[in-house]
């Protein structure tokens, strides 16, 4: 699946995200991106690359609950 990008300069970054103090300059995504999906409620989980077993367990549980 091809990796695509949205850029702040190109106006592709969703407006709420573009208005934060330090918005990302580029967002990468895979697959078709429907602009209306960017307007729906969303959440991001950001963490360490070297996660502990406990952190991984809690993250999986949290993601499962949020997705539900």
PDB file of N, CA and C in Angstrom:
ATOM      1  N   UNK A   1       0.845  -1.176   0.000  1.00  0.00           N
ATOM      2  CA  UNK A   1       0.000   0.000   0.000  1.00  0.00           C
ATOM      3  C   UNK A   1       0.891   1.240   0.000  1.00  0.00           C
ATOM      4  N   UNK A   2       0.580   2.174  -0.821  1.00  0.00           N
ATOM      5  CA  UNK A   2       1.378   3.384  -0.991  1.00  0.00           C
ATOM      6  C   UNK A   2       1.269   4.304   0.224  1.00  0.00           C
ATOM      7  N   UNK A   3       2.366   4.962   0.572  1.00  0.00           N
ATOM      8  CA  UNK A   3       2.372   5.945   1.651  1.00  0.00           C
ATOM      9  C   UNK A   3       2.243   7.323   1.024  1.00  0.00           C
ATOM     10  N   UNK A   4       1.285   8.103   1.518  1.00  0.00           N
ATOM     11  CA  UNK A   4       1.015   9.447   1.013  1.00  0.00           C
ATOM     12  C   UNK A   4       1.273  10.458   2.116  1.00  0.00           C
ATOM     13  N   UNK A   5       1.286  11.725   1.739  1.00  0.00           N
ATOM     14  CA  UNK A   5       1.526  12.761   2.741  1.00  0.00           C
ATOM     15  C   UNK A   5       0.580  13.935   2.576  1.00  0.00           C
ATOM     16  N   UNK A   6       0.303  14.571   3.693  1.00  0.00           N
ATOM     17  CA  UNK A   6      -0.423  15.834   3.730  1.00  0.00           C
ATOM     18  C   UNK A   6       0.558  16.866   4.268  1.00  0.00           C
ATOM     19  N   UNK A   7       0.570  18.060   3.701  1.00  0.00           N
ATOM     20  CA  UNK A   7       1.514  19.067   4.166  1.00  0.00           C
ATOM     21  C   UNK A   7       0.789  20.301   4.691  1.00  0.00           C
ATOM     22  N   UNK A   8       1.424  20.943   5.643  1.00  0.00           N
ATOM     23  CA  UNK A   8       0.882  22.182   6.195  1.00  0.00           C
ATOM     24  C   UNK A   8       0.883  23.258   5.118  1.00  0.00           C
ATOM     25  N   UNK A   9       1.960  23.346   4.351  1.00  0.00           N
ATOM     26  CA  UNK A   9       2.062  24.355   3.291  1.00  0.00           C
ATOM     27  C   UNK A   9       1.025  24.123   2.197  1.00  0.00           C
ATOM     28  N   UNK A  10       0.706  22.864   1.923  1.00  0.00           N
ATOM     29  CA  UNK A  10      -0.256  22.540   0.878  1.00  0.00           C
ATOM     30  C   UNK A  10      -1.701  22.600   1.333  1.00  0.00           C
ATOM     31  N   UNK A  11      -1.924  22.898   2.605  1.00  0.00           N
ATOM     32  CA  UNK A  11      -3.283  23.015   3.121  1.00  0.00           C
ATOM     33  C   UNK A  11      -3.958  21.687   3.392  1.00  0.00           C
ATOM     34  N   UNK A  12      -3.192  20.593   3.393  1.00  0.00           N
ATOM     35  CA  UNK A  12      -3.799  19.284   3.602  1.00  0.00           C
ATOM     36  C   UNK A  12      -3.977  18.887   5.053  1.00  0.00           C
ATOM     37  N   UNK A  13      -3.259  19.537   5.960  1.00  0.00           N
ATOM     38  CA  UNK A  13      -3.371  19.232   7.381  1.00  0.00           C
ATOM     39  C   UNK A  13      -4.748  19.701   7.855  1.00  0.00           C
ATOM     40  N   UNK A  14      -5.492  18.867   8.593  1.00  0.00           N
ATOM     41  CA  UNK A  14      -6.822  19.276   9.072  1.00  0.00           C
ATOM     42  C   UNK A  14      -6.757  20.599   9.850  1.00  0.00           C
ATOM     43  N   UNK A  15      -7.727  21.453   9.645  1.00  0.00           N
ATOM     44  CA  UNK A  15      -7.740  22.794  10.228  1.00  0.00           C
ATOM     45  C   UNK A  15      -7.536  22.806  11.746  1.00  0.00           C
ATOM     46  N   UNK A  16      -8.227  21.968  12.528  1.00  0.00           N
ATOM     47  CA  UNK A  16      -7.985  22.011  13.979  1.00  0.00           C
ATOM     48  C   UNK A  16      -6.530  21.712  14.339  1.00  0.00           C
ATOM     49  N   UNK A  17      -5.909  20.810  13.615  1.00  0.00           N
ATOM     50  CA  UNK A  17      -4.514  20.472  13.872  1.00  0.00           C
ATOM     51  C   UNK A  17      -3.581  21.577  13.388  1.00  0.00           C
ATOM     52  N   UNK A  18      -3.935  22.223  12.307  1.00  0.00           N
ATOM     53  CA  UNK A  18      -3.111  23.305  11.760  1.00  0.00           C
ATOM     54  C   UNK A  18      -3.109  24.522  12.688  1.00  0.00           C
ATOM     55  N   UNK A  19      -4.109  24.650  13.568  1.00  0.00           N
ATOM     56  CA  UNK A  19      -4.217  25.817  14.450  1.00  0.00           C
ATOM     57  C   UNK A  19      -3.474  25.660  15.770  1.00  0.00           C
ATOM     58  N   UNK A  20      -2.941  24.474  16.078  1.00  0.00           N
ATOM     59  CA  UNK A  20      -2.253  24.315  17.355  1.00  0.00           C
ATOM     60  C   UNK A  20      -0.934  25.087  17.334  1.00  0.00           C
ATOM     61  N   UNK A  21      -0.332  25.266  18.508  1.00  0.00           N
ATOM     62  CA  UNK A  21       0.880  26.081  18.633  1.00  0.00           C
ATOM     63  C   UNK A  21       2.016  25.607  17.726  1.00  0.00           C
ATOM     64  N   UNK A  22       2.246  24.315  17.657  1.00  0.00           N
ATOM     65  CA  UNK A  22       3.320  23.791  16.801  1.00  0.00           C
ATOM     66  C   UNK A  22       2.775  22.638  15.959  1.00  0.00           C
ATOM     67  N   UNK A  23       2.055  22.961  14.891  1.00  0.00           N
ATOM     68  CA  UNK A  23       1.465  21.910  14.060  1.00  0.00           C
ATOM     69  C   UNK A  23       2.544  21.144  13.288  1.00  0.00           C
ATOM     70  N   UNK A  24       2.261  19.899  12.945  1.00  0.00           N
ATOM     71  CA  UNK A  24       3.224  19.145  12.140  1.00  0.00           C
ATOM     72  C   UNK A  24       3.291  19.731  10.731  1.00  0.00           C
ATOM     73  N   UNK A  25       4.462  19.687  10.136  1.00  0.00           N
ATOM     74  CA  UNK A  25       4.612  20.179   8.763  1.00  0.00           C
ATOM     75  C   UNK A  25       4.140  19.135   7.757  1.00  0.00           C
ATOM     76  N   UNK A  26       4.225  17.852   8.156  1.00  0.00           N
ATOM     77  CA  UNK A  26       3.837  16.760   7.263  1.00  0.00           C
ATOM     78  C   UNK A  26       3.145  15.672   8.083  1.00  0.00           C
ATOM     79  N   UNK A  27       2.071  15.109   7.531  1.00  0.00           N
ATOM     80  CA  UNK A  27       1.428  13.912   8.074  1.00  0.00           C
ATOM     81  C   UNK A  27       1.475  12.843   6.992  1.00  0.00           C
ATOM     82  N   UNK A  28       1.863  11.647   7.364  1.00  0.00           N
ATOM     83  CA  UNK A  28       1.912  10.542   6.420  1.00  0.00           C
ATOM     84  C   UNK A  28       0.733   9.620   6.679  1.00  0.00           C
ATOM     85  N   UNK A  29       0.191   9.017   5.616  1.00  0.00           N
ATOM     86  CA  UNK A  29      -0.914   8.060   5.764  1.00  0.00           C
ATOM     87  C   UNK A  29      -0.818   7.015   4.672  1.00  0.00           C
ATOM     88  N   UNK A  30      -1.434   5.882   4.955  1.00  0.00           N
ATOM     89  CA  UNK A  30      -1.508   4.803   3.962  1.00  0.00           C
ATOM     90  C   UNK A  30      -2.944   4.647   3.506  1.00  0.00           C
ATOM     91  N   UNK A  31      -3.116   4.317   2.244  1.00  0.00           N
ATOM     92  CA  UNK A  31      -4.443   4.068   1.709  1.00  0.00           C
ATOM     93  C   UNK A  31      -5.183   5.353   1.382  1.00  0.00           C
ATOM     94  N   UNK A  32      -6.433   5.179   0.995  1.00  0.00           N
ATOM     95  CA  UNK A  32      -7.273   6.317   0.627  1.00  0.00           C
ATOM     96  C   UNK A  32      -7.576   7.150   1.865  1.00  0.00           C
ATOM     97  N   UNK A  33      -7.499   8.437   1.736  1.00  0.00           N
ATOM     98  CA  UNK A  33      -7.809   9.342   2.830  1.00  0.00           C
ATOM     99  C   UNK A  33      -9.034  10.137   2.445  1.00  0.00           C
ATOM    100  N   UNK A  34     -10.095   9.954   3.170  1.00  0.00           N
ATOM    101  CA  UNK A  34     -11.323  10.688   2.908  1.00  0.00           C
ATOM    102  C   UNK A  34     -11.342  11.901   3.822  1.00  0.00           C
ATOM    103  N   UNK A  35     -11.417  13.085   3.242  1.00  0.00           N
ATOM    104  CA  UNK A  35     -11.337  14.318   4.022  1.00  0.00           C
ATOM    105  C   UNK A  35     -12.390  14.370   5.123  1.00  0.00           C
ATOM    106  N   UNK A  36     -13.571  13.787   4.890  1.00  0.00           N
ATOM    107  CA  UNK A  36     -14.605  13.831   5.928  1.00  0.00           C
ATOM    108  C   UNK A  36     -14.200  13.031   7.167  1.00  0.00           C
ATOM    109  N   UNK A  37     -13.319  12.038   6.994  1.00  0.00           N
ATOM    110  CA  UNK A  37     -12.831  11.296   8.160  1.00  0.00           C
ATOM    111  C   UNK A  37     -11.991  12.186   9.061  1.00  0.00           C
ATOM    112  N   UNK A  38     -11.306  13.157   8.478  1.00  0.00           N
ATOM    113  CA  UNK A  38     -10.478  14.060   9.269  1.00  0.00           C
ATOM    114  C   UNK A  38     -11.305  15.000  10.139  1.00  0.00           C
ATOM    115  N   UNK A  39     -12.581  15.135   9.826  1.00  0.00           N
ATOM    116  CA  UNK A  39     -13.453  16.022  10.592  1.00  0.00           C
ATOM    117  C   UNK A  39     -14.159  15.308  11.734  1.00  0.00           C
ATOM    118  N   UNK A  40     -14.066  13.985  11.783  1.00  0.00           N
ATOM    119  CA  UNK A  40     -14.703  13.213  12.846  1.00  0.00           C
ATOM    120  C   UNK A  40     -13.852  13.253  14.107  1.00  0.00           C
ATOM    121  N   UNK A  41     -14.460  12.971  15.266  1.00  0.00           N
ATOM    122  CA  UNK A  41     -13.660  12.914  16.495  1.00  0.00           C
ATOM    123  C   UNK A  41     -12.532  11.893  16.343  1.00  0.00           C
ATOM    124  N   UNK A  42     -11.384  12.193  16.925  1.00  0.00           N
ATOM    125  CA  UNK A  42     -10.232  11.306  16.786  1.00  0.00           C
ATOM    126  C   UNK A  42      -9.354  11.401  18.026  1.00  0.00           C
ATOM    127  N   UNK A  43      -8.474  10.438  18.145  1.00  0.00           N
ATOM    128  CA  UNK A  43      -7.533  10.401  19.264  1.00  0.00           C
ATOM    129  C   UNK A  43      -6.211   9.841  18.757  1.00  0.00           C
ATOM    130  N   UNK A  44      -5.130  10.256  19.363  1.00  0.00           N
ATOM    131  CA  UNK A  44      -3.812   9.724  19.022  1.00  0.00           C
ATOM    132  C   UNK A  44      -3.161   9.203  20.295  1.00  0.00           C
ATOM    133  N   UNK A  45      -2.449   8.118  20.166  1.00  0.00           N
ATOM    134  CA  UNK A  45      -1.687   7.570  21.284  1.00  0.00           C
ATOM    135  C   UNK A  45      -0.216   7.692  20.899  1.00  0.00           C
ATOM    136  N   UNK A  46       0.519   8.452  21.679  1.00  0.00           N
ATOM    137  CA  UNK A  46       1.927   8.704  21.397  1.00  0.00           C
ATOM    138  C   UNK A  46       2.740   8.190  22.575  1.00  0.00           C
ATOM    139  N   UNK A  47       3.818   7.500  22.265  1.00  0.00           N
ATOM    140  CA  UNK A  47       4.624   6.972  23.364  1.00  0.00           C
ATOM    141  C   UNK A  47       6.048   6.699  22.948  1.00  0.00           C
ATOM    142  N   UNK A  48       6.724   5.992  23.808  1.00  0.00           N
ATOM    143  CA  UNK A  48       8.133   5.682  23.627  1.00  0.00           C
ATOM    144  C   UNK A  48       8.332   4.557  22.621  1.00  0.00           C
ATOM    145  N   UNK A  49       9.462   4.588  21.949  1.00  0.00           N
ATOM    146  CA  UNK A  49       9.806   3.493  21.042  1.00  0.00           C
ATOM    147  C   UNK A  49      10.227   2.256  21.823  1.00  0.00           C
ATOM    148  N   UNK A  50      10.699   2.459  23.035  1.00  0.00           N
ATOM    149  CA  UNK A  50      11.132   1.322  23.858  1.00  0.00           C
ATOM    150  C   UNK A  50      10.145   1.160  25.014  1.00  0.00           C
ATOM    151  N   UNK A  51       8.974   0.676  24.680  1.00  0.00           N
ATOM    152  CA  UNK A  51       7.884   0.541  25.642  1.00  0.00           C
ATOM    153  C   UNK A  51       8.129  -0.625  26.598  1.00  0.00           C
ATOM    154  N   UNK A  52       7.692  -0.446  27.833  1.00  0.00           N
ATOM    155  CA  UNK A  52       7.788  -1.523  28.816  1.00  0.00           C
ATOM    156  C   UNK A  52       6.623  -2.483  28.595  1.00  0.00           C
ATOM    157  N   UNK A  53       6.730  -3.701  29.104  1.00  0.00           N
ATOM    158  CA  UNK A  53       5.596  -4.640  28.983  1.00  0.00           C
ATOM    159  C   UNK A  53       4.309  -4.067  29.578  1.00  0.00           C
ATOM    160  N   UNK A  54       4.424  -3.393  30.719  1.00  0.00           N
ATOM    161  CA  UNK A  54       3.240  -2.783  31.341  1.00  0.00           C
ATOM    162  C   UNK A  54       2.665  -1.687  30.445  1.00  0.00           C
ATOM    163  N   UNK A  55       3.533  -0.832  29.900  1.00  0.00           N
ATOM    164  CA  UNK A  55       3.074   0.235  29.012  1.00  0.00           C
ATOM    165  C   UNK A  55       2.368  -0.310  27.787  1.00  0.00           C
ATOM    166  N   UNK A  56       2.906  -1.388  27.237  1.00  0.00           N
ATOM    167  CA  UNK A  56       2.279  -2.012  26.065  1.00  0.00           C
ATOM    168  C   UNK A  56       0.902  -2.557  26.418  1.00  0.00           C
ATOM    169  N   UNK A  57       0.781  -3.206  27.567  1.00  0.00           N
ATOM    170  CA  UNK A  57      -0.505  -3.766  28.001  1.00  0.00           C
ATOM    171  C   UNK A  57      -1.540  -2.660  28.194  1.00  0.00           C
ATOM    172  N   UNK A  58      -1.154  -1.596  28.892  1.00  0.00           N
ATOM    173  CA  UNK A  58      -2.087  -0.492  29.151  1.00  0.00           C
ATOM    174  C   UNK A  58      -2.487   0.190  27.846  1.00  0.00           C
ATOM    175  N   UNK A  59      -1.539   0.376  26.940  1.00  0.00           N
ATOM    176  CA  UNK A  59      -1.828   1.006  25.655  1.00  0.00           C
ATOM    177  C   UNK A  59      -2.811   0.172  24.840  1.00  0.00           C
ATOM    178  N   UNK A  60      -2.600  -1.143  24.802  1.00  0.00           N
ATOM    179  CA  UNK A  60      -3.524  -2.010  24.066  1.00  0.00           C
ATOM    180  C   UNK A  60      -4.922  -1.953  24.651  1.00  0.00           C
ATOM    181  N   UNK A  61      -5.023  -1.974  25.979  1.00  0.00           N
ATOM    182  CA  UNK A  61      -6.347  -1.891  26.627  1.00  0.00           C
ATOM    183  C   UNK A  61      -7.010  -0.558  26.358  1.00  0.00           C
ATOM    184  N   UNK A  62      -6.255   0.518  26.468  1.00  0.00           N
ATOM    185  CA  UNK A  62      -6.808   1.846  26.211  1.00  0.00           C
ATOM    186  C   UNK A  62      -7.272   1.984  24.770  1.00  0.00           C
ATOM    187  N   UNK A  63      -6.450   1.531  23.823  1.00  0.00           N
ATOM    188  CA  UNK A  63      -6.816   1.618  22.405  1.00  0.00           C
ATOM    189  C   UNK A  63      -8.069   0.799  22.118  1.00  0.00           C
ATOM    190  N   UNK A  64      -8.156  -0.379  22.707  1.00  0.00           N
ATOM    191  CA  UNK A  64      -9.341  -1.227  22.513  1.00  0.00           C
ATOM    192  C   UNK A  64     -10.596  -0.539  23.017  1.00  0.00           C
ATOM    193  N   UNK A  65     -10.510   0.062  24.189  1.00  0.00           N
ATOM    194  CA  UNK A  65     -11.665   0.776  24.759  1.00  0.00           C
ATOM    195  C   UNK A  65     -12.064   1.997  23.923  1.00  0.00           C
ATOM    196  N   UNK A  66     -11.059   2.738  23.489  1.00  0.00           N
ATOM    197  CA  UNK A  66     -11.348   3.933  22.678  1.00  0.00           C
ATOM    198  C   UNK A  66     -11.960   3.547  21.333  1.00  0.00           C
ATOM    199  N   UNK A  67     -11.474   2.478  20.745  1.00  0.00           N
ATOM    200  CA  UNK A  67     -12.008   2.031  19.452  1.00  0.00           C
ATOM    201  C   UNK A  67     -13.451   1.550  19.584  1.00  0.00           C
ATOM    202  N   UNK A  68     -13.778   1.011  20.739  1.00  0.00           N
ATOM    203  CA  UNK A  68     -15.145   0.514  20.971  1.00  0.00           C
ATOM    204  C   UNK A  68     -16.129   1.624  21.109  1.00  0.00           C
TER     205      UNK A  68
END
